[in-house]
């Protein structure tokens, strides 16, 4: 089959397969560390989560957060997320991450897990500006994403003229999708946020990275 390129379509069709990526044996140590970092970072905060998917990290954050508003553009993943049990106050909304319209200062912290890597390099700043405007200075923002590890990650299939990288991923039904998936270095990420953020903290694990900062 020919490769498809619509990221929204891909994740809608992958909804029932999504969390298998978190079952890889070699990643369990990293995931345990990340769970602790998530819970420490968002303890007692009112959190806005972007691209929550099936609610995997929403459940983790709910253990310590004051409240979470979890958003995604796909009804398919939100149906799975809503069916889970959560420890705290959770609401789910179908929202386009590029068209956020929440009232300013409704949240004290923002989260996007496995989202940065799906942004083209040229659109990251635009996303950050409209995301940040929902929060007051001093609010905590956190991103978590993958590091590229040969043998554990799907190989990179191509790189475009802007330096964005793509993977060819196959679903259970045989459909093959070309998926934008960037693997930025700490240096690249810091260069993007340096004028927007203070108290930047970068945690680099074997398979993942975790970034937190406070808005200037």
N, C-alpha and C. Protein backbone atom coordinates (compact mmCIF):
# COMPACT_ATOMS: atom_id res chain seq x y z
N UNK A 1 0.84 -1.19 0.00
CA UNK A 1 0.00 0.00 0.00
C UNK A 1 0.88 1.25 0.00
N UNK A 2 0.37 2.32 -0.57
CA UNK A 2 1.14 3.56 -0.58
C UNK A 2 1.11 4.20 0.80
N UNK A 3 2.18 4.92 1.11
CA UNK A 3 2.28 5.56 2.42
C UNK A 3 1.33 6.75 2.50
N UNK A 4 0.70 6.94 3.67
CA UNK A 4 -0.19 8.07 3.91
C UNK A 4 0.52 9.05 4.83
N UNK A 5 0.15 10.33 4.74
CA UNK A 5 0.92 11.35 5.44
C UNK A 5 0.12 12.15 6.47
N UNK A 6 -1.17 11.92 6.62
CA UNK A 6 -1.99 12.71 7.53
C UNK A 6 -1.80 12.20 8.95
N UNK A 7 -1.19 13.03 9.81
CA UNK A 7 -0.88 12.61 11.18
C UNK A 7 -2.15 12.37 11.99
N UNK A 8 -3.16 13.22 11.79
CA UNK A 8 -4.42 13.06 12.52
C UNK A 8 -5.08 11.73 12.15
N UNK A 9 -5.11 11.43 10.87
CA UNK A 9 -5.68 10.17 10.39
C UNK A 9 -4.91 8.98 10.95
N UNK A 10 -3.60 9.09 10.97
CA UNK A 10 -2.77 8.00 11.47
C UNK A 10 -3.08 7.69 12.93
N UNK A 11 -3.15 8.71 13.78
CA UNK A 11 -3.38 8.45 15.20
C UNK A 11 -4.81 8.01 15.48
N UNK A 12 -5.75 8.43 14.66
CA UNK A 12 -7.12 7.94 14.80
C UNK A 12 -7.17 6.45 14.55
N UNK A 13 -6.48 5.99 13.51
CA UNK A 13 -6.48 4.57 13.16
C UNK A 13 -5.60 3.75 14.10
N UNK A 14 -4.67 4.40 14.77
CA UNK A 14 -3.75 3.70 15.66
C UNK A 14 -4.26 3.66 17.10
N UNK A 15 -5.41 4.23 17.36
CA UNK A 15 -5.88 4.42 18.74
C UNK A 15 -5.79 3.16 19.58
N UNK A 16 -6.27 2.04 19.04
CA UNK A 16 -6.28 0.79 19.83
C UNK A 16 -4.92 0.14 19.94
N UNK A 17 -3.95 0.63 19.19
CA UNK A 17 -2.59 0.08 19.24
C UNK A 17 -1.63 1.02 19.98
N UNK A 18 -2.10 2.21 20.31
CA UNK A 18 -1.23 3.30 20.74
C UNK A 18 -0.33 2.94 21.92
N UNK A 19 -0.89 2.36 22.96
CA UNK A 19 -0.14 2.19 24.20
C UNK A 19 0.83 1.01 24.17
N UNK A 20 0.86 0.27 23.10
CA UNK A 20 1.81 -0.84 23.01
C UNK A 20 3.25 -0.34 23.02
N UNK A 21 3.45 0.88 22.59
CA UNK A 21 4.81 1.44 22.59
C UNK A 21 5.36 1.52 24.01
N UNK A 22 4.46 1.61 25.00
CA UNK A 22 4.89 1.70 26.39
C UNK A 22 5.06 0.32 27.03
N UNK A 23 4.88 -0.71 26.25
CA UNK A 23 5.06 -2.08 26.77
C UNK A 23 6.41 -2.68 26.40
N UNK A 24 7.22 -1.94 25.66
CA UNK A 24 8.53 -2.46 25.27
C UNK A 24 9.38 -2.70 26.51
N UNK A 25 9.89 -3.91 26.68
CA UNK A 25 10.64 -4.25 27.91
C UNK A 25 11.83 -3.33 28.18
N UNK A 26 12.55 -2.96 27.14
CA UNK A 26 13.76 -2.17 27.33
C UNK A 26 13.47 -0.75 27.82
N UNK A 27 12.22 -0.31 27.73
CA UNK A 27 11.88 1.06 28.11
C UNK A 27 11.31 1.19 29.51
N UNK A 28 11.13 0.09 30.20
CA UNK A 28 10.42 0.13 31.48
C UNK A 28 11.15 0.94 32.56
N UNK A 29 12.46 0.86 32.60
CA UNK A 29 13.22 1.63 33.59
C UNK A 29 13.03 3.12 33.35
N UNK A 30 13.13 3.55 32.09
CA UNK A 30 12.92 4.95 31.76
C UNK A 30 11.51 5.40 32.12
N UNK A 31 10.53 4.58 31.81
CA UNK A 31 9.14 4.94 32.07
C UNK A 31 8.86 5.09 33.56
N UNK A 32 9.49 4.25 34.37
CA UNK A 32 9.34 4.38 35.82
C UNK A 32 9.91 5.72 36.29
N UNK A 33 11.05 6.11 35.74
CA UNK A 33 11.66 7.40 36.10
C UNK A 33 10.77 8.55 35.66
N UNK A 34 10.20 8.43 34.47
CA UNK A 34 9.33 9.49 33.95
C UNK A 34 8.08 9.65 34.79
N UNK A 35 7.52 8.56 35.24
CA UNK A 35 6.31 8.65 36.08
C UNK A 35 6.58 9.48 37.33
N UNK A 36 7.73 9.26 37.94
CA UNK A 36 8.09 10.04 39.13
C UNK A 36 8.27 11.52 38.78
N UNK A 37 8.93 11.79 37.66
CA UNK A 37 9.14 13.18 37.24
C UNK A 37 7.81 13.89 36.96
N UNK A 38 6.90 13.20 36.27
CA UNK A 38 5.59 13.78 35.97
C UNK A 38 4.85 14.12 37.25
N UNK A 39 4.84 13.18 38.19
CA UNK A 39 4.08 13.39 39.41
C UNK A 39 4.68 14.48 40.28
N UNK A 40 6.00 14.55 40.32
CA UNK A 40 6.65 15.62 41.08
C UNK A 40 6.41 16.99 40.44
N UNK A 41 6.51 17.05 39.13
CA UNK A 41 6.38 18.32 38.41
C UNK A 41 5.00 18.92 38.54
N UNK A 42 3.96 18.08 38.48
CA UNK A 42 2.59 18.61 38.41
C UNK A 42 1.82 18.49 39.71
N UNK A 43 2.49 18.16 40.78
CA UNK A 43 1.82 18.05 42.07
C UNK A 43 1.13 19.35 42.44
N UNK A 44 -0.17 19.26 42.73
CA UNK A 44 -1.03 20.38 43.17
C UNK A 44 -1.25 21.43 42.09
N UNK A 45 -0.96 21.14 40.85
CA UNK A 45 -1.17 22.10 39.77
C UNK A 45 -2.48 21.84 39.02
N UNK A 46 -2.99 22.91 38.43
CA UNK A 46 -4.10 22.82 37.47
C UNK A 46 -3.46 22.73 36.09
N UNK A 47 -3.59 21.59 35.45
CA UNK A 47 -2.79 21.26 34.28
C UNK A 47 -3.62 21.28 33.00
N UNK A 48 -3.07 21.90 31.96
CA UNK A 48 -3.62 21.79 30.62
C UNK A 48 -2.70 20.84 29.84
N UNK A 49 -3.26 19.73 29.38
CA UNK A 49 -2.49 18.75 28.63
C UNK A 49 -2.88 18.80 27.16
N UNK A 50 -1.88 18.95 26.31
CA UNK A 50 -2.08 18.98 24.86
C UNK A 50 -1.78 17.59 24.28
N UNK A 51 -2.59 17.17 23.31
CA UNK A 51 -2.38 15.88 22.63
C UNK A 51 -2.28 14.74 23.64
N UNK A 52 -3.31 14.59 24.44
CA UNK A 52 -3.29 13.59 25.53
C UNK A 52 -3.40 12.16 25.02
N UNK A 53 -3.83 11.98 23.79
CA UNK A 53 -3.96 10.63 23.25
C UNK A 53 -4.92 9.79 24.07
N UNK A 54 -4.52 8.59 24.38
CA UNK A 54 -5.38 7.65 25.10
C UNK A 54 -5.34 7.83 26.62
N UNK A 55 -4.69 8.89 27.08
CA UNK A 55 -4.69 9.20 28.51
C UNK A 55 -3.63 8.49 29.32
N UNK A 56 -2.61 7.95 28.66
CA UNK A 56 -1.57 7.22 29.39
C UNK A 56 -0.90 8.11 30.43
N UNK A 57 -0.43 9.27 30.01
CA UNK A 57 0.24 10.18 30.95
C UNK A 57 -0.75 10.96 31.79
N UNK A 58 -1.98 11.12 31.29
CA UNK A 58 -3.02 11.78 32.08
C UNK A 58 -3.25 11.02 33.38
N UNK A 59 -3.30 9.71 33.29
CA UNK A 59 -3.48 8.89 34.49
C UNK A 59 -2.34 9.09 35.48
N UNK A 60 -1.13 9.18 34.98
CA UNK A 60 0.04 9.36 35.84
C UNK A 60 -0.03 10.71 36.56
N UNK A 61 -0.28 11.76 35.78
CA UNK A 61 -0.32 13.11 36.35
C UNK A 61 -1.47 13.26 37.34
N UNK A 62 -2.57 12.58 37.07
CA UNK A 62 -3.75 12.69 37.93
C UNK A 62 -3.50 12.24 39.36
N UNK A 63 -2.46 11.44 39.56
CA UNK A 63 -2.15 10.96 40.91
C UNK A 63 -1.79 12.10 41.86
N UNK A 64 -1.25 13.20 41.30
CA UNK A 64 -0.79 14.28 42.19
C UNK A 64 -1.33 15.66 41.82
N UNK A 65 -1.84 15.83 40.60
CA UNK A 65 -2.30 17.15 40.16
C UNK A 65 -3.60 17.56 40.85
N UNK A 66 -3.82 18.85 40.94
CA UNK A 66 -5.09 19.37 41.47
C UNK A 66 -6.22 19.08 40.49
N UNK A 67 -5.95 19.31 39.20
CA UNK A 67 -6.94 19.04 38.16
C UNK A 67 -6.21 18.97 36.82
N UNK A 68 -6.85 18.32 35.85
CA UNK A 68 -6.29 18.23 34.50
C UNK A 68 -7.39 18.46 33.48
N UNK A 69 -7.13 19.34 32.54
CA UNK A 69 -7.94 19.45 31.33
C UNK A 69 -7.12 18.84 30.22
N UNK A 70 -7.54 17.67 29.74
CA UNK A 70 -6.77 16.92 28.76
C UNK A 70 -7.43 17.04 27.39
N UNK A 71 -6.65 17.39 26.39
CA UNK A 71 -7.20 17.68 25.07
C UNK A 71 -6.54 16.83 23.98
N UNK A 72 -7.31 16.57 22.94
CA UNK A 72 -6.77 15.92 21.75
C UNK A 72 -7.72 16.23 20.60
N UNK A 73 -7.23 16.11 19.39
CA UNK A 73 -8.06 16.40 18.22
C UNK A 73 -8.86 15.19 17.77
N UNK A 74 -8.51 14.00 18.25
CA UNK A 74 -9.11 12.75 17.79
C UNK A 74 -10.14 12.19 18.76
N UNK A 75 -11.36 12.02 18.28
CA UNK A 75 -12.38 11.39 19.11
C UNK A 75 -12.01 9.94 19.44
N UNK A 76 -11.32 9.27 18.51
CA UNK A 76 -11.00 7.86 18.70
C UNK A 76 -10.13 7.64 19.93
N UNK A 77 -9.11 8.48 20.12
CA UNK A 77 -8.26 8.31 21.30
C UNK A 77 -8.95 8.83 22.56
N UNK A 78 -9.76 9.88 22.42
CA UNK A 78 -10.45 10.42 23.58
C UNK A 78 -11.47 9.43 24.14
N UNK A 79 -12.09 8.63 23.29
CA UNK A 79 -13.01 7.61 23.77
C UNK A 79 -12.29 6.62 24.68
N UNK A 80 -11.09 6.25 24.32
CA UNK A 80 -10.29 5.34 25.15
C UNK A 80 -9.88 6.02 26.45
N UNK A 81 -9.45 7.26 26.34
CA UNK A 81 -9.01 8.00 27.53
C UNK A 81 -10.15 8.18 28.53
N UNK A 82 -11.33 8.51 28.05
CA UNK A 82 -12.47 8.77 28.93
C UNK A 82 -12.93 7.50 29.66
N UNK A 83 -12.63 6.34 29.10
CA UNK A 83 -13.09 5.08 29.70
C UNK A 83 -12.23 4.63 30.87
N UNK A 84 -11.12 5.30 31.10
CA UNK A 84 -10.21 4.92 32.18
C UNK A 84 -10.62 5.53 33.51
N UNK A 85 -10.06 5.00 34.57
CA UNK A 85 -10.28 5.54 35.91
C UNK A 85 -9.13 6.47 36.28
N UNK A 86 -9.47 7.58 36.93
CA UNK A 86 -8.47 8.58 37.29
C UNK A 86 -8.58 8.93 38.76
N UNK A 87 -7.44 9.27 39.35
CA UNK A 87 -7.41 9.56 40.78
C UNK A 87 -7.96 10.94 41.10
N UNK A 88 -7.83 11.90 40.18
CA UNK A 88 -8.19 13.27 40.48
C UNK A 88 -9.30 13.82 39.61
N UNK A 89 -9.36 15.15 39.54
CA UNK A 89 -10.38 15.85 38.76
C UNK A 89 -9.91 15.98 37.32
N UNK A 90 -10.63 15.31 36.39
CA UNK A 90 -10.22 15.26 34.99
C UNK A 90 -11.37 15.68 34.10
N UNK A 91 -11.06 16.48 33.09
CA UNK A 91 -12.03 16.74 32.02
C UNK A 91 -11.32 16.58 30.69
N UNK A 92 -12.03 16.05 29.71
CA UNK A 92 -11.48 15.84 28.37
C UNK A 92 -12.22 16.72 27.38
N UNK A 93 -11.46 17.29 26.46
CA UNK A 93 -12.07 18.12 25.42
C UNK A 93 -11.42 17.83 24.08
N UNK A 94 -12.23 17.82 23.04
CA UNK A 94 -11.70 17.67 21.68
C UNK A 94 -11.27 19.06 21.21
N UNK A 95 -9.96 19.23 21.08
CA UNK A 95 -9.39 20.55 20.79
C UNK A 95 -8.23 20.39 19.81
N UNK A 96 -8.14 21.30 18.86
CA UNK A 96 -7.00 21.39 17.96
C UNK A 96 -5.87 22.10 18.69
N UNK A 97 -4.72 21.47 18.79
CA UNK A 97 -3.59 22.05 19.52
C UNK A 97 -3.09 23.35 18.90
N UNK A 98 -3.45 23.60 17.65
CA UNK A 98 -3.06 24.84 16.99
C UNK A 98 -4.14 25.91 17.06
N UNK A 99 -5.21 25.62 17.78
CA UNK A 99 -6.30 26.59 17.91
C UNK A 99 -6.85 26.53 19.34
N UNK A 100 -6.01 26.89 20.29
CA UNK A 100 -6.37 26.83 21.70
C UNK A 100 -7.11 28.10 22.10
N UNK A 101 -8.26 27.93 22.71
CA UNK A 101 -9.08 29.11 23.03
C UNK A 101 -9.50 29.15 24.49
N UNK A 102 -8.72 28.56 25.37
CA UNK A 102 -9.04 28.60 26.80
C UNK A 102 -8.78 30.00 27.36
N UNK A 103 -9.52 30.40 28.40
CA UNK A 103 -9.26 31.70 29.03
C UNK A 103 -7.86 31.74 29.63
N UNK A 104 -7.22 32.87 29.52
CA UNK A 104 -5.88 33.04 30.07
C UNK A 104 -5.90 32.84 31.58
N UNK A 105 -4.84 32.22 32.09
CA UNK A 105 -4.64 32.00 33.51
C UNK A 105 -5.61 31.00 34.13
N UNK A 106 -6.19 30.14 33.31
CA UNK A 106 -7.05 29.09 33.84
C UNK A 106 -6.23 27.92 34.40
N UNK A 107 -4.94 27.88 34.04
CA UNK A 107 -4.08 26.76 34.42
C UNK A 107 -2.77 27.27 35.00
N UNK A 108 -2.15 26.45 35.84
CA UNK A 108 -0.85 26.82 36.41
C UNK A 108 0.29 26.04 35.80
N UNK A 109 -0.03 25.05 34.95
CA UNK A 109 1.01 24.25 34.32
C UNK A 109 0.50 23.69 33.00
N UNK A 110 1.44 23.49 32.07
CA UNK A 110 1.09 22.94 30.76
C UNK A 110 1.95 21.73 30.44
N UNK A 111 1.36 20.77 29.76
CA UNK A 111 2.04 19.52 29.43
C UNK A 111 1.76 19.11 27.99
N UNK A 112 2.79 18.65 27.32
CA UNK A 112 2.63 18.01 26.01
C UNK A 112 3.63 16.87 25.93
N UNK A 113 3.13 15.64 25.95
CA UNK A 113 3.98 14.46 25.89
C UNK A 113 3.96 13.87 24.48
N UNK A 114 5.15 13.58 23.95
CA UNK A 114 5.28 13.02 22.60
C UNK A 114 4.58 13.90 21.56
N UNK A 115 4.76 15.21 21.72
CA UNK A 115 4.13 16.17 20.81
C UNK A 115 5.16 17.00 20.06
N UNK A 116 6.19 17.43 20.77
CA UNK A 116 7.24 18.24 20.15
C UNK A 116 7.78 17.57 18.89
N UNK A 117 7.96 16.27 18.94
CA UNK A 117 8.56 15.52 17.83
C UNK A 117 7.67 15.50 16.58
N UNK A 118 6.39 15.79 16.75
CA UNK A 118 5.47 15.79 15.62
C UNK A 118 5.24 17.19 15.05
N UNK A 119 6.00 18.14 15.52
CA UNK A 119 5.94 19.50 14.99
C UNK A 119 7.08 19.71 14.00
N UNK A 120 6.77 20.29 12.86
CA UNK A 120 7.85 20.67 11.95
C UNK A 120 8.69 21.73 12.64
N UNK A 121 9.97 21.73 12.37
CA UNK A 121 10.87 22.67 13.03
C UNK A 121 10.42 24.11 12.84
N UNK A 122 9.87 24.41 11.67
CA UNK A 122 9.46 25.78 11.35
C UNK A 122 8.20 26.21 12.10
N UNK A 123 7.45 25.26 12.69
CA UNK A 123 6.20 25.63 13.35
C UNK A 123 6.27 25.57 14.88
N UNK A 124 7.41 25.15 15.43
CA UNK A 124 7.51 25.01 16.89
C UNK A 124 7.30 26.33 17.60
N UNK A 125 7.96 27.38 17.15
CA UNK A 125 7.83 28.67 17.82
C UNK A 125 6.38 29.18 17.77
N UNK A 126 5.73 29.02 16.63
CA UNK A 126 4.34 29.46 16.52
C UNK A 126 3.46 28.72 17.52
N UNK A 127 3.69 27.41 17.64
CA UNK A 127 2.91 26.65 18.61
C UNK A 127 3.18 27.15 20.03
N UNK A 128 4.45 27.34 20.37
CA UNK A 128 4.80 27.77 21.71
C UNK A 128 4.18 29.12 22.06
N UNK A 129 4.19 30.06 21.13
CA UNK A 129 3.63 31.39 21.41
C UNK A 129 2.15 31.29 21.76
N UNK A 130 1.38 30.50 21.00
CA UNK A 130 -0.06 30.44 21.30
C UNK A 130 -0.34 29.55 22.51
N UNK A 131 0.53 28.59 22.80
CA UNK A 131 0.40 27.78 24.01
C UNK A 131 0.73 28.61 25.24
N UNK A 132 1.83 29.31 25.19
CA UNK A 132 2.29 30.10 26.34
C UNK A 132 1.32 31.21 26.72
N UNK A 133 0.61 31.76 25.76
CA UNK A 133 -0.26 32.90 26.06
C UNK A 133 -1.41 32.53 27.00
N UNK A 134 -1.64 31.23 27.21
CA UNK A 134 -2.70 30.79 28.12
C UNK A 134 -2.27 30.84 29.57
N UNK A 135 -0.98 31.06 29.82
CA UNK A 135 -0.42 30.99 31.17
C UNK A 135 0.18 32.32 31.59
N UNK A 136 0.27 32.51 32.89
CA UNK A 136 0.92 33.70 33.43
C UNK A 136 2.42 33.43 33.60
N UNK A 137 3.24 34.50 33.68
CA UNK A 137 4.67 34.31 33.93
C UNK A 137 4.90 33.48 35.20
N UNK A 138 5.88 32.61 35.14
CA UNK A 138 6.18 31.75 36.28
C UNK A 138 5.51 30.39 36.21
N UNK A 139 4.56 30.24 35.29
CA UNK A 139 3.89 28.93 35.14
C UNK A 139 4.87 27.89 34.64
N UNK A 140 4.62 26.65 35.01
CA UNK A 140 5.48 25.54 34.60
C UNK A 140 4.98 24.93 33.29
N UNK A 141 5.90 24.73 32.37
CA UNK A 141 5.60 24.06 31.11
C UNK A 141 6.51 22.84 31.01
N UNK A 142 5.97 21.72 30.55
CA UNK A 142 6.76 20.50 30.44
C UNK A 142 6.48 19.79 29.12
N UNK A 143 7.55 19.28 28.55
CA UNK A 143 7.47 18.44 27.35
C UNK A 143 8.23 17.15 27.62
N UNK A 144 7.70 16.05 27.09
CA UNK A 144 8.41 14.78 27.13
C UNK A 144 8.38 14.20 25.73
N UNK A 145 9.49 13.57 25.32
CA UNK A 145 9.49 12.99 23.98
C UNK A 145 10.58 11.93 23.85
N UNK A 146 10.63 11.34 22.67
CA UNK A 146 11.55 10.23 22.41
C UNK A 146 12.94 10.69 22.02
N UNK A 147 13.92 9.88 22.39
CA UNK A 147 15.25 9.94 21.81
C UNK A 147 15.34 8.83 20.78
N UNK A 148 16.13 9.01 19.76
CA UNK A 148 16.26 7.97 18.75
C UNK A 148 17.29 6.94 19.19
N UNK A 149 16.83 5.71 19.32
CA UNK A 149 17.71 4.60 19.71
C UNK A 149 17.55 3.50 18.67
N UNK A 150 18.56 3.26 17.86
CA UNK A 150 18.46 2.21 16.83
C UNK A 150 18.08 0.86 17.45
N UNK A 151 17.16 0.19 16.78
CA UNK A 151 16.71 -1.11 17.28
C UNK A 151 15.46 -1.03 18.12
N UNK A 152 15.23 0.15 18.75
CA UNK A 152 14.02 0.34 19.55
C UNK A 152 13.05 1.25 18.83
N UNK A 153 13.57 2.24 18.12
CA UNK A 153 12.74 3.16 17.34
C UNK A 153 12.60 2.68 15.89
N UNK A 154 11.50 3.06 15.28
CA UNK A 154 11.34 2.83 13.85
C UNK A 154 12.40 3.63 13.10
N UNK A 155 13.07 3.04 12.13
CA UNK A 155 14.13 3.76 11.40
C UNK A 155 13.61 5.03 10.72
N UNK A 156 14.48 6.00 10.56
CA UNK A 156 14.14 7.22 9.83
C UNK A 156 14.15 6.91 8.34
N UNK A 157 13.05 7.23 7.66
CA UNK A 157 12.91 6.90 6.25
C UNK A 157 13.42 8.00 5.33
N UNK A 158 13.24 9.25 5.75
CA UNK A 158 13.74 10.36 4.92
C UNK A 158 13.86 11.62 5.75
N UNK A 159 14.58 12.56 5.22
CA UNK A 159 14.75 13.89 5.82
C UNK A 159 14.40 14.93 4.77
N UNK A 160 13.56 15.91 5.11
CA UNK A 160 13.18 16.91 4.11
C UNK A 160 14.17 18.07 4.08
N UNK A 161 13.89 19.06 3.24
CA UNK A 161 14.81 20.17 3.03
C UNK A 161 14.98 21.04 4.26
N UNK A 162 14.01 21.01 5.18
CA UNK A 162 14.08 21.80 6.41
C UNK A 162 14.74 21.04 7.55
N UNK A 163 15.11 19.78 7.30
CA UNK A 163 15.75 18.98 8.34
C UNK A 163 14.79 18.16 9.17
N UNK A 164 13.49 18.16 8.81
CA UNK A 164 12.53 17.31 9.51
C UNK A 164 12.70 15.87 9.07
N UNK A 165 12.53 14.95 10.00
CA UNK A 165 12.70 13.53 9.70
C UNK A 165 11.35 12.80 9.75
N UNK A 166 11.27 11.72 8.99
CA UNK A 166 10.01 10.98 8.85
C UNK A 166 10.26 9.48 8.99
N UNK A 167 9.25 8.80 9.55
CA UNK A 167 9.29 7.35 9.68
C UNK A 167 8.15 6.74 8.86
N UNK A 168 8.35 5.53 8.38
CA UNK A 168 7.28 4.76 7.76
C UNK A 168 6.77 3.76 8.78
N UNK A 169 5.54 3.94 9.22
CA UNK A 169 4.97 3.08 10.25
C UNK A 169 3.82 2.27 9.68
N UNK A 170 3.75 1.00 10.06
CA UNK A 170 2.72 0.11 9.55
C UNK A 170 1.77 -0.27 10.69
N UNK A 171 0.47 -0.15 10.43
CA UNK A 171 -0.54 -0.54 11.39
C UNK A 171 -0.88 -2.02 11.24
N UNK A 172 -1.65 -2.54 12.19
CA UNK A 172 -2.00 -3.95 12.17
C UNK A 172 -2.74 -4.36 10.90
N UNK A 173 -3.52 -3.43 10.33
CA UNK A 173 -4.28 -3.75 9.13
C UNK A 173 -3.45 -3.68 7.86
N UNK A 174 -2.16 -3.36 8.01
CA UNK A 174 -1.26 -3.30 6.86
C UNK A 174 -1.07 -1.92 6.27
N UNK A 175 -1.91 -0.96 6.69
CA UNK A 175 -1.75 0.41 6.18
C UNK A 175 -0.39 0.96 6.59
N UNK A 176 0.28 1.60 5.68
CA UNK A 176 1.57 2.22 5.96
C UNK A 176 1.42 3.73 5.91
N UNK A 177 1.92 4.40 6.94
CA UNK A 177 1.81 5.84 7.05
C UNK A 177 3.20 6.46 7.18
N UNK A 178 3.41 7.54 6.48
CA UNK A 178 4.63 8.32 6.68
C UNK A 178 4.35 9.34 7.78
N UNK A 179 5.11 9.26 8.87
CA UNK A 179 4.84 10.07 10.06
C UNK A 179 6.02 11.00 10.34
N UNK A 180 5.72 12.28 10.48
CA UNK A 180 6.73 13.25 10.90
C UNK A 180 7.17 12.92 12.32
N UNK A 181 8.46 12.72 12.52
CA UNK A 181 8.98 12.39 13.86
C UNK A 181 10.40 12.93 13.97
N UNK A 182 10.54 14.05 14.64
CA UNK A 182 11.85 14.65 14.85
C UNK A 182 12.44 14.21 16.19
N UNK A 183 13.75 14.18 16.26
CA UNK A 183 14.46 13.78 17.48
C UNK A 183 15.47 14.88 17.83
N UNK A 184 15.00 15.97 18.42
CA UNK A 184 15.89 17.10 18.68
C UNK A 184 16.88 16.82 19.80
N UNK A 185 18.02 17.48 19.72
CA UNK A 185 19.00 17.41 20.79
C UNK A 185 18.65 18.43 21.86
N UNK A 186 19.28 18.32 23.02
CA UNK A 186 19.08 19.31 24.07
C UNK A 186 19.46 20.70 23.57
N UNK A 187 20.53 20.79 22.83
CA UNK A 187 20.98 22.08 22.30
C UNK A 187 19.91 22.71 21.41
N UNK A 188 19.32 21.91 20.54
CA UNK A 188 18.28 22.42 19.63
C UNK A 188 17.08 22.94 20.42
N UNK A 189 16.65 22.19 21.42
CA UNK A 189 15.48 22.58 22.20
C UNK A 189 15.77 23.86 22.98
N UNK A 190 16.92 23.92 23.60
CA UNK A 190 17.26 25.11 24.37
C UNK A 190 17.32 26.36 23.50
N UNK A 191 17.80 26.21 22.28
CA UNK A 191 17.87 27.35 21.37
C UNK A 191 16.48 27.88 21.03
N UNK A 192 15.50 27.00 20.98
CA UNK A 192 14.13 27.39 20.66
C UNK A 192 13.49 28.17 21.80
N UNK A 193 13.76 27.79 23.04
CA UNK A 193 13.03 28.35 24.18
C UNK A 193 13.81 29.36 25.00
N UNK A 194 15.09 29.57 24.69
CA UNK A 194 15.95 30.33 25.60
C UNK A 194 15.44 31.73 25.92
N UNK A 195 14.78 32.41 24.97
CA UNK A 195 14.28 33.76 25.23
C UNK A 195 12.88 33.76 25.84
N UNK A 196 12.29 32.59 25.96
CA UNK A 196 10.92 32.47 26.47
C UNK A 196 10.86 31.90 27.87
N UNK A 197 11.94 31.29 28.31
CA UNK A 197 11.87 30.46 29.52
C UNK A 197 12.99 30.75 30.51
N UNK A 198 12.70 30.46 31.76
CA UNK A 198 13.69 30.49 32.82
C UNK A 198 13.64 29.17 33.57
N UNK A 199 14.63 28.93 34.41
CA UNK A 199 14.71 27.70 35.21
C UNK A 199 14.54 26.46 34.33
N UNK A 200 15.25 26.44 33.23
CA UNK A 200 15.16 25.31 32.30
C UNK A 200 15.83 24.08 32.89
N UNK A 201 15.11 22.95 32.85
CA UNK A 201 15.66 21.70 33.35
C UNK A 201 15.47 20.63 32.28
N UNK A 202 16.56 19.95 31.92
CA UNK A 202 16.54 18.91 30.90
C UNK A 202 17.00 17.60 31.51
N UNK A 203 16.15 16.59 31.44
CA UNK A 203 16.50 15.25 31.92
C UNK A 203 16.59 14.32 30.71
N UNK A 204 17.74 13.73 30.51
CA UNK A 204 17.95 12.85 29.36
C UNK A 204 18.12 11.42 29.82
N UNK A 205 17.16 10.59 29.45
CA UNK A 205 17.20 9.16 29.75
C UNK A 205 17.67 8.42 28.49
N UNK A 206 17.67 7.11 28.52
CA UNK A 206 18.14 6.37 27.36
C UNK A 206 17.19 6.49 26.17
N UNK A 207 15.88 6.43 26.46
CA UNK A 207 14.90 6.40 25.38
C UNK A 207 14.04 7.67 25.30
N UNK A 208 14.10 8.50 26.33
CA UNK A 208 13.24 9.68 26.39
C UNK A 208 14.00 10.88 26.92
N UNK A 209 13.44 12.06 26.66
CA UNK A 209 13.90 13.28 27.34
C UNK A 209 12.71 13.97 27.98
N UNK A 210 12.98 14.72 29.02
CA UNK A 210 11.94 15.42 29.78
C UNK A 210 12.42 16.83 30.04
N UNK A 211 11.64 17.80 29.60
CA UNK A 211 11.99 19.22 29.70
C UNK A 211 10.97 19.96 30.55
N UNK A 212 11.44 20.75 31.49
CA UNK A 212 10.57 21.66 32.21
C UNK A 212 11.18 23.05 32.23
N UNK A 213 10.32 24.06 32.28
CA UNK A 213 10.80 25.44 32.41
C UNK A 213 9.66 26.31 32.95
N UNK A 214 10.02 27.48 33.40
CA UNK A 214 9.04 28.45 33.84
C UNK A 214 8.97 29.59 32.83
N UNK A 215 7.79 30.04 32.55
CA UNK A 215 7.62 31.12 31.59
C UNK A 215 8.17 32.43 32.12
N UNK A 216 8.85 33.14 31.26
CA UNK A 216 9.33 34.47 31.64
C UNK A 216 8.15 35.46 31.66
